[in-house]
Amino acid sequence: MQRLDSVLLEEKEAFSGLEDQIERVVNKLREIAESSDDSSGRKEDADDTSSLANELTNFIDNIENHMKKFIIQVDKQHGSDRAALSGCFRNEMQTIESRLAETIHRRRRPSSSTVVKDGMEEKNSPVIKEGQASASSSSVSFESKYVNLSDDLQNCLMYCCIFPENCWIPKGKLIRLLVAEALIEEKPERVTEDIAEENIYELVSQEMLL
């Protein structure tokens, strides 16, 4: 988490107005990290702690990537465009905060169920799991898609976030904007506009753009 603190200190101005949301995310990260120190030393706990450490590292890497991409984009925006981009970043942090809360809840549940009799635990657990699966699958699905996008596609998607929700933009105009903002990676013997169009189609096919 020192990496996140370092980015925040270096880019304090860029994250102005977003400190509260970032602080909530960091606090949940700390809560998860502290819970990993409560293991009793059993093999099961050691395995669980190792798994949690990997999950925590993935969260931090993901958050750091979001922050760095936001910094790159926000420097190019002004006024309402900058405000829209900040709103998009806040939404992304809220999604991550929800996933962190699910992780915390998941870790607390086994310890509380140990006082419940086996029969009651079997009876109640399916209902809990079904409710949680439906709530977490959508956010995790979008998040996993985003993480697996190439840098080129992530930049395109981040740029689209500066526009108001349900704002329809002609494809040709969006292509020109992406090229003008230098958000398309140039490739030998390829027309940049064609690459931009392919990126748009790819994001649409993955249901990340409508």
C-alpha atoms as a PDB file:
ATOM      1  CA  MET A   1       0.000   0.000   0.000  1.00  0.00           C
ATOM      2  CA  GLN A   2       3.020   2.248   0.206  1.00  0.00           C
ATOM      3  CA  ARG A   3       2.913   2.365  -3.600  1.00  0.00           C
ATOM      4  CA  LEU A   4      -0.587   3.855  -3.508  1.00  0.00           C
ATOM      5  CA  ASP A   5       0.409   6.375  -0.833  1.00  0.00           C
ATOM      6  CA  SER A   6       3.378   7.376  -2.977  1.00  0.00           C
ATOM      7  CA  VAL A   7       1.195   7.976  -6.055  1.00  0.00           C
ATOM      8  CA  LEU A   8      -1.262  10.015  -3.984  1.00  0.00           C
ATOM      9  CA  LEU A   9       1.498  12.205  -2.587  1.00  0.00           C
ATOM     10  CA  GLU A  10       3.092  12.799  -5.975  1.00  0.00           C
ATOM     11  CA  GLU A  11      -0.212  13.543  -7.728  1.00  0.00           C
ATOM     12  CA  LYS A  12      -2.144  15.235  -4.931  1.00  0.00           C
ATOM     13  CA  GLU A  13      -3.556  17.910  -7.244  1.00  0.00           C
ATOM     14  CA  ALA A  14      -4.818  15.390  -9.812  1.00  0.00           C
ATOM     15  CA  PHE A  15      -6.847  13.537  -7.149  1.00  0.00           C
ATOM     16  CA  SER A  16      -8.298  16.693  -5.605  1.00  0.00           C
ATOM     17  CA  GLY A  17     -11.943  16.039  -4.657  1.00  0.00           C
ATOM     18  CA  LEU A  18     -11.475  12.263  -4.792  1.00  0.00           C
ATOM     19  CA  GLU A  19      -9.602  11.884  -1.499  1.00  0.00           C
ATOM     20  CA  ASP A  20     -12.653  10.610   0.405  1.00  0.00           C
ATOM     21  CA  GLN A  21     -13.323   7.774  -2.037  1.00  0.00           C
ATOM     22  CA  ILE A  22      -9.665   6.773  -2.240  1.00  0.00           C
ATOM     23  CA  GLU A  23      -9.405   6.837   1.560  1.00  0.00           C
ATOM     24  CA  ARG A  24     -12.365   4.431   1.872  1.00  0.00           C
ATOM     25  CA  VAL A  25     -10.698   2.024  -0.543  1.00  0.00           C
ATOM     26  CA  VAL A  26      -7.346   2.242   1.274  1.00  0.00           C
ATOM     27  CA  ASN A  27      -9.038   1.684   4.654  1.00  0.00           C
ATOM     28  CA  LYS A  28     -10.645  -1.502   3.374  1.00  0.00           C
ATOM     29  CA  LEU A  29      -7.303  -2.672   2.012  1.00  0.00           C
ATOM     30  CA  ARG A  30      -5.792  -2.137   5.457  1.00  0.00           C
ATOM     31  CA  GLU A  31      -8.665  -4.012   7.082  1.00  0.00           C
ATOM     32  CA  ILE A  32      -8.017  -7.020   4.857  1.00  0.00           C
ATOM     33  CA  ALA A  33      -4.270  -6.834   5.481  1.00  0.00           C
ATOM     34  CA  GLU A  34      -4.797  -6.717   9.246  1.00  0.00           C
ATOM     35  CA  SER A  35      -7.158  -9.695   9.147  1.00  0.00           C
ATOM     36  CA  SER A  36      -4.403 -11.800   7.576  1.00  0.00           C
ATOM     37  CA  ASP A  37      -2.312 -11.260  10.722  1.00  0.00           C
ATOM     38  CA  ASP A  38      -4.926 -12.994  12.876  1.00  0.00           C
ATOM     39  CA  SER A  39      -4.188 -16.535  11.643  1.00  0.00           C
ATOM     40  CA  SER A  40      -3.536 -19.154  14.324  1.00  0.00           C
ATOM     41  CA  GLY A  41      -0.594 -20.800  12.574  1.00  0.00           C
ATOM     42  CA  ARG A  42      -2.524 -23.850  11.352  1.00  0.00           C
ATOM     43  CA  LYS A  43      -1.831 -25.100   7.828  1.00  0.00           C
ATOM     44  CA  GLU A  44      -5.373 -24.170   6.765  1.00  0.00           C
ATOM     45  CA  ASP A  45      -4.857 -20.647   8.035  1.00  0.00           C
ATOM     46  CA  ALA A  46      -1.456 -20.414   6.347  1.00  0.00           C
ATOM     47  CA  ASP A  47      -2.983 -21.433   3.005  1.00  0.00           C
ATOM     48  CA  ASP A  48      -5.800 -18.949   3.484  1.00  0.00           C
ATOM     49  CA  THR A  49      -3.351 -16.172   4.360  1.00  0.00           C
ATOM     50  CA  SER A  50      -1.275 -16.916   1.259  1.00  0.00           C
ATOM     51  CA  SER A  51      -4.388 -16.803  -0.933  1.00  0.00           C
ATOM     52  CA  LEU A  52      -5.472 -13.551   0.695  1.00  0.00           C
ATOM     53  CA  ALA A  53      -2.029 -12.011   0.154  1.00  0.00           C
ATOM     54  CA  ASN A  54      -2.251 -12.798  -3.565  1.00  0.00           C
ATOM     55  CA  GLU A  55      -5.757 -11.357  -3.736  1.00  0.00           C
ATOM     56  CA  LEU A  56      -4.631  -8.222  -1.904  1.00  0.00           C
ATOM     57  CA  THR A  57      -1.682  -7.787  -4.275  1.00  0.00           C
ATOM     58  CA  ASN A  58      -4.032  -8.069  -7.268  1.00  0.00           C
ATOM     59  CA  PHE A  59      -6.326  -5.435  -5.764  1.00  0.00           C
ATOM     60  CA  ILE A  60      -3.420  -3.040  -5.186  1.00  0.00           C
ATOM     61  CA  ASP A  61      -2.019  -3.601  -8.698  1.00  0.00           C
ATOM     62  CA  ASN A  62      -5.461  -2.971 -10.178  1.00  0.00           C
ATOM     63  CA  ILE A  63      -6.005   0.213  -8.160  1.00  0.00           C
ATOM     64  CA  GLU A  64      -2.539   1.494  -9.040  1.00  0.00           C
ATOM     65  CA  ASN A  65      -3.230   0.900 -12.752  1.00  0.00           C
ATOM     66  CA  HIS A  66      -6.514   2.820 -12.501  1.00  0.00           C
ATOM     67  CA  MET A  67      -4.763   5.704 -10.755  1.00  0.00           C
ATOM     68  CA  LYS A  68      -1.935   5.927 -13.282  1.00  0.00           C
ATOM     69  CA  LYS A  69      -4.311   5.839 -16.254  1.00  0.00           C
ATOM     70  CA  PHE A  70      -6.455   8.504 -14.606  1.00  0.00           C
ATOM     71  CA  ILE A  71      -3.391  10.733 -14.151  1.00  0.00           C
ATOM     72  CA  ILE A  72      -2.478  10.339 -17.836  1.00  0.00           C
ATOM     73  CA  GLN A  73      -6.011  11.189 -18.980  1.00  0.00           C
ATOM     74  CA  VAL A  74      -6.805  13.995 -16.525  1.00  0.00           C
ATOM     75  CA  ASP A  75      -3.786  16.064 -17.588  1.00  0.00           C
ATOM     76  CA  LYS A  76      -5.312  16.321 -21.064  1.00  0.00           C
ATOM     77  CA  GLN A  77      -8.767  17.428 -19.888  1.00  0.00           C
ATOM     78  CA  HIS A  78     -10.196  20.719 -18.650  1.00  0.00           C
ATOM     79  CA  GLY A  79     -13.460  21.981 -17.200  1.00  0.00           C
ATOM     80  CA  SER A  80     -16.484  19.725 -17.639  1.00  0.00           C
ATOM     81  CA  ASP A  81     -14.448  17.016 -19.384  1.00  0.00           C
ATOM     82  CA  ARG A  82     -12.138  16.802 -16.390  1.00  0.00           C
ATOM     83  CA  ALA A  83     -15.110  16.634 -14.013  1.00  0.00           C
ATOM     84  CA  ALA A  84     -16.660  13.812 -16.057  1.00  0.00           C
ATOM     85  CA  LEU A  85     -13.402  11.858 -16.017  1.00  0.00           C
ATOM     86  CA  SER A  86     -13.178  12.314 -12.239  1.00  0.00           C
ATOM     87  CA  GLY A  87     -16.729  10.985 -11.934  1.00  0.00           C
ATOM     88  CA  CYS A  88     -15.793   7.932 -13.972  1.00  0.00           C
ATOM     89  CA  PHE A  89     -12.742   7.316 -11.778  1.00  0.00           C
ATOM     90  CA  ARG A  90     -14.883   7.653  -8.638  1.00  0.00           C
ATOM     91  CA  ASN A  91     -17.289   5.033 -10.017  1.00  0.00           C
ATOM     92  CA  GLU A  92     -14.378   2.667 -10.665  1.00  0.00           C
ATOM     93  CA  MET A  93     -13.128   3.142  -7.097  1.00  0.00           C
ATOM     94  CA  GLN A  94     -16.645   2.495  -5.766  1.00  0.00           C
ATOM     95  CA  THR A  95     -16.749  -0.768  -7.716  1.00  0.00           C
ATOM     96  CA  ILE A  96     -13.415  -1.804  -6.219  1.00  0.00           C
ATOM     97  CA  GLU A  97     -14.619  -0.734  -2.762  1.00  0.00           C
ATOM     98  CA  SER A  98     -17.650  -3.029  -3.159  1.00  0.00           C
ATOM     99  CA  ARG A  99     -15.414  -5.940  -4.124  1.00  0.00           C
ATOM    100  CA  LEU A 100     -13.195  -5.286  -1.115  1.00  0.00           C
ATOM    101  CA  ALA A 101     -16.272  -5.231   1.125  1.00  0.00           C
ATOM    102  CA  GLU A 102     -17.315  -8.606  -0.320  1.00  0.00           C
ATOM    103  CA  THR A 103     -13.864  -9.999   0.459  1.00  0.00           C
ATOM    104  CA  ILE A 104     -14.077  -8.735   4.043  1.00  0.00           C
ATOM    105  CA  HIS A 105     -17.570 -10.212   4.448  1.00  0.00           C
ATOM    106  CA  ARG A 106     -16.444 -13.526   2.977  1.00  0.00           C
ATOM    107  CA  ARG A 107     -13.603 -13.781   5.485  1.00  0.00           C
ATOM    108  CA  ARG A 108     -15.808 -12.932   8.430  1.00  0.00           C
ATOM    109  CA  ARG A 109     -18.514 -15.442   7.534  1.00  0.00           C
ATOM    110  CA  PRO A 110     -16.592 -18.687   8.276  1.00  0.00           C
ATOM    111  CA  SER A 111     -15.602 -17.529  11.761  1.00  0.00           C
ATOM    112  CA  SER A 112     -19.196 -16.637  12.647  1.00  0.00           C
ATOM    113  CA  SER A 113     -20.559 -19.916  11.261  1.00  0.00           C
ATOM    114  CA  THR A 114     -18.396 -21.997  13.577  1.00  0.00           C
ATOM    115  CA  VAL A 115     -20.873 -21.367  16.394  1.00  0.00           C
ATOM    116  CA  VAL A 116     -23.763 -22.667  14.279  1.00  0.00           C
ATOM    117  CA  LYS A 117     -24.651 -26.336  14.233  1.00  0.00           C
ATOM    118  CA  ASP A 118     -23.808 -28.268  11.075  1.00  0.00           C
ATOM    119  CA  GLY A 119     -27.436 -28.815  10.142  1.00  0.00           C
ATOM    120  CA  MET A 120     -28.282 -25.131  10.374  1.00  0.00           C
ATOM    121  CA  GLU A 121     -25.152 -24.155   8.449  1.00  0.00           C
ATOM    122  CA  GLU A 122     -26.025 -26.463   5.562  1.00  0.00           C
ATOM    123  CA  LYS A 123     -29.564 -25.162   5.504  1.00  0.00           C
ATOM    124  CA  ASN A 124     -28.618 -21.496   5.498  1.00  0.00           C
ATOM    125  CA  SER A 125     -25.458 -21.398   3.381  1.00  0.00           C
ATOM    126  CA  PRO A 126     -27.029 -21.914  -0.091  1.00  0.00           C
ATOM    127  CA  VAL A 127     -29.287 -18.884   0.329  1.00  0.00           C
ATOM    128  CA  ILE A 128     -26.356 -16.691   1.372  1.00  0.00           C
ATOM    129  CA  LYS A 129     -24.168 -17.906  -1.458  1.00  0.00           C
ATOM    130  CA  GLU A 130     -26.817 -17.393  -4.124  1.00  0.00           C
ATOM    131  CA  GLY A 131     -27.441 -13.807  -3.026  1.00  0.00           C
ATOM    132  CA  GLN A 132     -23.771 -12.993  -2.955  1.00  0.00           C
ATOM    133  CA  ALA A 133     -23.031 -14.620  -6.284  1.00  0.00           C
ATOM    134  CA  SER A 134     -25.632 -12.530  -8.077  1.00  0.00           C
ATOM    135  CA  ALA A 135     -24.358  -9.338  -6.458  1.00  0.00           C
ATOM    136  CA  SER A 136     -20.668  -9.916  -7.081  1.00  0.00           C
ATOM    137  CA  SER A 137     -20.633 -11.591 -10.483  1.00  0.00           C
ATOM    138  CA  SER A 138     -21.566  -8.448 -12.441  1.00  0.00           C
ATOM    139  CA  SER A 139     -18.917  -6.175 -10.902  1.00  0.00           C
ATOM    140  CA  VAL A 140     -16.263  -8.877 -10.987  1.00  0.00           C
ATOM    141  CA  SER A 141     -17.134  -9.666 -14.603  1.00  0.00           C
ATOM    142  CA  PHE A 142     -16.699  -6.048 -15.739  1.00  0.00           C
ATOM    143  CA  GLU A 143     -13.574  -5.621 -13.635  1.00  0.00           C
ATOM    144  CA  SER A 144     -11.978  -8.799 -14.977  1.00  0.00           C
ATOM    145  CA  LYS A 145     -12.784  -7.744 -18.540  1.00  0.00           C
ATOM    146  CA  TYR A 146     -11.217  -4.329 -17.983  1.00  0.00           C
ATOM    147  CA  VAL A 147      -8.043  -5.740 -16.444  1.00  0.00           C
ATOM    148  CA  ASN A 148      -7.604  -8.097 -19.397  1.00  0.00           C
ATOM    149  CA  LEU A 149      -7.935  -5.343 -22.001  1.00  0.00           C
ATOM    150  CA  SER A 150      -4.829  -4.147 -23.810  1.00  0.00           C
ATOM    151  CA  ASP A 151      -3.498  -0.705 -22.858  1.00  0.00           C
ATOM    152  CA  ASP A 152      -4.841   0.606 -26.154  1.00  0.00           C
ATOM    153  CA  LEU A 153      -8.382  -0.556 -25.360  1.00  0.00           C
ATOM    154  CA  GLN A 154      -8.206   0.614 -21.742  1.00  0.00           C
ATOM    155  CA  ASN A 155      -7.197   4.096 -22.915  1.00  0.00           C
ATOM    156  CA  CYS A 156     -10.101   4.181 -25.377  1.00  0.00           C
ATOM    157  CA  LEU A 157     -12.566   3.107 -22.705  1.00  0.00           C
ATOM    158  CA  MET A 158     -11.237   5.645 -20.196  1.00  0.00           C
ATOM    159  CA  TYR A 159     -11.597   8.391 -22.806  1.00  0.00           C
ATOM    160  CA  CYS A 160     -15.214   7.412 -23.470  1.00  0.00           C
ATOM    161  CA  CYS A 161     -15.898   7.813 -19.738  1.00  0.00           C
ATOM    162  CA  ILE A 162     -15.500  11.587 -19.995  1.00  0.00           C
ATOM    163  CA  PHE A 163     -18.805  11.804 -21.882  1.00  0.00           C
ATOM    164  CA  PRO A 164     -22.139  11.925 -20.001  1.00  0.00           C
ATOM    165  CA  GLU A 165     -24.000   8.651 -19.496  1.00  0.00           C
ATOM    166  CA  ASN A 166     -26.285   7.699 -22.420  1.00  0.00           C
ATOM    167  CA  CYS A 167     -24.521  10.243 -24.638  1.00  0.00           C
ATOM    168  CA  TRP A 168     -24.599   8.963 -28.220  1.00  0.00           C
ATOM    169  CA  ILE A 169     -21.573   9.891 -30.323  1.00  0.00           C
ATOM    170  CA  PRO A 170     -21.280   9.178 -34.060  1.00  0.00           C
ATOM    171  CA  LYS A 171     -18.677   6.499 -34.655  1.00  0.00           C
ATOM    172  CA  GLY A 172     -16.766   8.648 -37.119  1.00  0.00           C
ATOM    173  CA  LYS A 173     -16.512  11.508 -34.627  1.00  0.00           C
ATOM    174  CA  LEU A 174     -15.302   9.173 -31.867  1.00  0.00           C
ATOM    175  CA  ILE A 175     -12.652   7.746 -34.199  1.00  0.00           C
ATOM    176  CA  ARG A 176     -11.394  11.240 -35.002  1.00  0.00           C
ATOM    177  CA  LEU A 177     -11.306  12.188 -31.316  1.00  0.00           C
ATOM    178  CA  LEU A 178      -9.362   9.067 -30.331  1.00  0.00           C
ATOM    179  CA  VAL A 179      -6.816   9.681 -33.066  1.00  0.00           C
ATOM    180  CA  ALA A 180      -6.528  13.397 -32.230  1.00  0.00           C
ATOM    181  CA  GLU A 181      -5.879  12.575 -28.558  1.00  0.00           C
ATOM    182  CA  ALA A 182      -3.107  10.147 -29.593  1.00  0.00           C
ATOM    183  CA  LEU A 183      -4.894   7.292 -27.827  1.00  0.00           C
ATOM    184  CA  ILE A 184      -4.395   4.839 -30.683  1.00  0.00           C
ATOM    185  CA  GLU A 185      -1.213   2.825 -30.881  1.00  0.00           C
ATOM    186  CA  GLU A 186       0.242   3.220 -34.352  1.00  0.00           C
ATOM    187  CA  LYS A 187       1.197   0.049 -36.201  1.00  0.00           C
ATOM    188  CA  PRO A 188       3.317  -0.409 -39.327  1.00  0.00           C
ATOM    189  CA  GLU A 189       1.363  -0.364 -42.583  1.00  0.00           C
ATOM    190  CA  ARG A 190      -1.915   0.244 -40.758  1.00  0.00           C
ATOM    191  CA  VAL A 191      -4.227   3.247 -40.973  1.00  0.00           C
ATOM    192  CA  THR A 192      -4.659   4.687 -37.480  1.00  0.00           C
ATOM    193  CA  GLU A 193      -8.367   5.379 -38.052  1.00  0.00           C
ATOM    194  CA  ASP A 194      -8.916   1.705 -38.940  1.00  0.00           C
ATOM    195  CA  ILE A 195      -7.246   0.633 -35.688  1.00  0.00           C
ATOM    196  CA  ALA A 196      -9.457   3.059 -33.751  1.00  0.00           C
ATOM    197  CA  GLU A 197     -12.558   1.612 -35.408  1.00  0.00           C
ATOM    198  CA  GLU A 198     -11.441  -1.929 -34.545  1.00  0.00           C
ATOM    199  CA  ASN A 199     -10.930  -0.886 -30.927  1.00  0.00           C
ATOM    200  CA  ILE A 200     -14.446   0.521 -30.773  1.00  0.00           C
ATOM    201  CA  TYR A 201     -15.926  -2.666 -32.238  1.00  0.00           C
ATOM    202  CA  GLU A 202     -13.920  -4.754 -29.746  1.00  0.00           C
ATOM    203  CA  LEU A 203     -15.251  -2.772 -26.782  1.00  0.00           C
ATOM    204  CA  VAL A 204     -18.795  -3.064 -28.134  1.00  0.00           C
ATOM    205  CA  SER A 205     -18.420  -6.827 -28.645  1.00  0.00           C
ATOM    206  CA  GLN A 206     -17.329  -7.154 -25.008  1.00  0.00           C
ATOM    207  CA  GLU A 207     -20.397  -5.113 -23.961  1.00  0.00           C
ATOM    208  CA  MET A 208     -18.226  -2.398 -22.424  1.00  0.00           C
ATOM    209  CA  LEU A 209     -19.566   0.173 -24.890  1.00  0.00           C
ATOM    210  CA  LEU A 210     -23.095   0.291 -26.262  1.00  0.00           C
END
